[in-house]
Amino acid sequence: MKRTKIEQLLLVVAWAGLIGGILFTTLVSKGIWESHMDMAFPQAVLTFVGGVGASVVGWAVLMQVIRISDKIRRIEEHLKEPKE
């Protein structure tokens, strides 16, 4: 099934956001952990869990938008077919 340019862009943004968000969150959490401040471990864990969770939720929302668009296109194509 062919996707429009906007859908392809959403797909790229979704995957880049997921991978980039996880990598960025990992780096921020590592920086917090290595700061050796008071309560650094709980803050690093909370930052990691929150960042990864936000990345996964954003990815899932964008993937659902793309999936809904695919279903709508499939329905439109089905309705355009001649009735015999």
C-alpha atoms as a PDB file:
ATOM      1  CA  MET A   1       0.000   0.000   0.000  1.00  0.00           C
ATOM      2  CA  LYS A   2       1.367   3.394  -0.980  1.00  0.00           C
ATOM      3  CA  ARG A   3       1.618   6.031   1.701  1.00  0.00           C
ATOM      4  CA  THR A   4       1.513   9.770   1.202  1.00  0.00           C
ATOM      5  CA  LYS A   5       4.514  11.978   1.903  1.00  0.00           C
ATOM      6  CA  ILE A   6       2.962  13.153   5.181  1.00  0.00           C
ATOM      7  CA  GLU A   7       2.472   9.565   6.349  1.00  0.00           C
ATOM      8  CA  GLN A   8       6.049   8.716   5.423  1.00  0.00           C
ATOM      9  CA  LEU A   9       7.239  11.777   7.325  1.00  0.00           C
ATOM     10  CA  LEU A  10       5.146  10.763  10.360  1.00  0.00           C
ATOM     11  CA  LEU A  11       6.679   7.291  10.199  1.00  0.00           C
ATOM     12  CA  VAL A  12      10.209   8.716  10.156  1.00  0.00           C
ATOM     13  CA  VAL A  13       9.392  11.128  12.988  1.00  0.00           C
ATOM     14  CA  ALA A  14       7.862   8.317  15.053  1.00  0.00           C
ATOM     15  CA  TRP A  15      10.895   6.045  14.777  1.00  0.00           C
ATOM     16  CA  ALA A  16      13.399   8.884  15.176  1.00  0.00           C
ATOM     17  CA  GLY A  17      11.516  10.094  18.246  1.00  0.00           C
ATOM     18  CA  LEU A  18      11.529   6.631  19.782  1.00  0.00           C
ATOM     19  CA  ILE A  19      15.215   5.940  19.189  1.00  0.00           C
ATOM     20  CA  GLY A  20      16.348   9.510  19.867  1.00  0.00           C
ATOM     21  CA  GLY A  21      14.211   9.782  22.982  1.00  0.00           C
ATOM     22  CA  ILE A  22      15.604   6.597  24.460  1.00  0.00           C
ATOM     23  CA  LEU A  23      19.201   7.591  23.660  1.00  0.00           C
ATOM     24  CA  PHE A  24      18.744  11.123  25.018  1.00  0.00           C
ATOM     25  CA  THR A  25      17.059   9.844  28.167  1.00  0.00           C
ATOM     26  CA  THR A  26      19.874   7.354  28.682  1.00  0.00           C
ATOM     27  CA  LEU A  27      22.474  10.101  28.415  1.00  0.00           C
ATOM     28  CA  VAL A  28      20.609  12.421  30.792  1.00  0.00           C
ATOM     29  CA  SER A  29      20.110   9.627  33.326  1.00  0.00           C
ATOM     30  CA  LYS A  30      23.772   8.672  33.091  1.00  0.00           C
ATOM     31  CA  GLY A  31      24.735  12.303  33.716  1.00  0.00           C
ATOM     32  CA  ILE A  32      22.496  12.461  36.760  1.00  0.00           C
ATOM     33  CA  TRP A  33      23.887   9.174  38.091  1.00  0.00           C
ATOM     34  CA  GLU A  34      27.511  10.255  37.592  1.00  0.00           C
ATOM     35  CA  SER A  35      26.945  13.600  39.317  1.00  0.00           C
ATOM     36  CA  HIS A  36      27.119  11.799  42.695  1.00  0.00           C
ATOM     37  CA  MET A  37      24.604  14.214  44.169  1.00  0.00           C
ATOM     38  CA  ASP A  38      22.354  13.299  47.044  1.00  0.00           C
ATOM     39  CA  MET A  39      19.509  11.023  45.837  1.00  0.00           C
ATOM     40  CA  ALA A  40      21.067  10.756  42.364  1.00  0.00           C
ATOM     41  CA  PHE A  41      20.075   7.112  41.839  1.00  0.00           C
ATOM     42  CA  PRO A  42      16.309   7.564  42.379  1.00  0.00           C
ATOM     43  CA  GLN A  43      16.292  10.704  40.265  1.00  0.00           C
ATOM     44  CA  ALA A  44      18.226   8.964  37.474  1.00  0.00           C
ATOM     45  CA  VAL A  45      15.864   5.980  37.524  1.00  0.00           C
ATOM     46  CA  LEU A  46      12.786   8.208  37.538  1.00  0.00           C
ATOM     47  CA  THR A  47      14.192  10.281  34.664  1.00  0.00           C
ATOM     48  CA  PHE A  48      14.986   7.144  32.672  1.00  0.00           C
ATOM     49  CA  VAL A  49      11.575   5.544  33.221  1.00  0.00           C
ATOM     50  CA  GLY A  50       9.729   8.796  32.472  1.00  0.00           C
ATOM     51  CA  GLY A  51      11.764   9.562  29.354  1.00  0.00           C
ATOM     52  CA  VAL A  52      11.477   6.075  27.901  1.00  0.00           C
ATOM     53  CA  GLY A  53       7.772   6.022  28.736  1.00  0.00           C
ATOM     54  CA  ALA A  54       7.209   9.347  26.994  1.00  0.00           C
ATOM     55  CA  SER A  55       9.148   8.163  23.935  1.00  0.00           C
ATOM     56  CA  VAL A  56       7.143   4.948  23.702  1.00  0.00           C
ATOM     57  CA  VAL A  57       3.819   6.760  24.155  1.00  0.00           C
ATOM     58  CA  GLY A  58       4.704   9.309  21.464  1.00  0.00           C
ATOM     59  CA  TRP A  59       5.781   6.539  19.102  1.00  0.00           C
ATOM     60  CA  ALA A  60       2.594   4.558  19.763  1.00  0.00           C
ATOM     61  CA  VAL A  61       0.361   7.580  19.133  1.00  0.00           C
ATOM     62  CA  LEU A  62       2.036   8.370  15.816  1.00  0.00           C
ATOM     63  CA  MET A  63       1.904   4.714  14.744  1.00  0.00           C
ATOM     64  CA  GLN A  64      -1.820   4.626  15.544  1.00  0.00           C
ATOM     65  CA  VAL A  65      -2.380   7.746  13.429  1.00  0.00           C
ATOM     66  CA  ILE A  66      -0.618   6.032  10.521  1.00  0.00           C
ATOM     67  CA  ARG A  67      -2.579   2.807  11.075  1.00  0.00           C
ATOM     68  CA  ILE A  68      -5.898   4.687  11.133  1.00  0.00           C
ATOM     69  CA  SER A  69      -4.914   6.489   7.933  1.00  0.00           C
ATOM     70  CA  ASP A  70      -4.155   3.126   6.273  1.00  0.00           C
ATOM     71  CA  LYS A  71      -7.559   1.773   7.319  1.00  0.00           C
ATOM     72  CA  ILE A  72      -9.356   4.855   5.997  1.00  0.00           C
ATOM     73  CA  ARG A  73      -7.518   4.555   2.661  1.00  0.00           C
ATOM     74  CA  ARG A  74      -8.431   0.860   2.452  1.00  0.00           C
ATOM     75  CA  ILE A  75     -12.098   1.682   3.086  1.00  0.00           C
ATOM     76  CA  GLU A  76     -12.026   4.438   0.440  1.00  0.00           C
ATOM     77  CA  GLU A  77     -10.497   2.062  -2.109  1.00  0.00           C
ATOM     78  CA  HIS A  78     -13.107  -0.556  -1.274  1.00  0.00           C
ATOM     79  CA  LEU A  79     -15.918   1.950  -1.769  1.00  0.00           C
ATOM     80  CA  LYS A  80     -14.495   3.093  -5.126  1.00  0.00           C
ATOM     81  CA  GLU A  81     -14.561  -0.435  -6.558  1.00  0.00           C
ATOM     82  CA  PRO A  82     -17.447  -0.971  -8.979  1.00  0.00           C
ATOM     83  CA  LYS A  83     -20.334  -2.971  -7.587  1.00  0.00           C
ATOM     84  CA  GLU A  84     -21.089  -6.074  -9.630  1.00  0.00           C
END
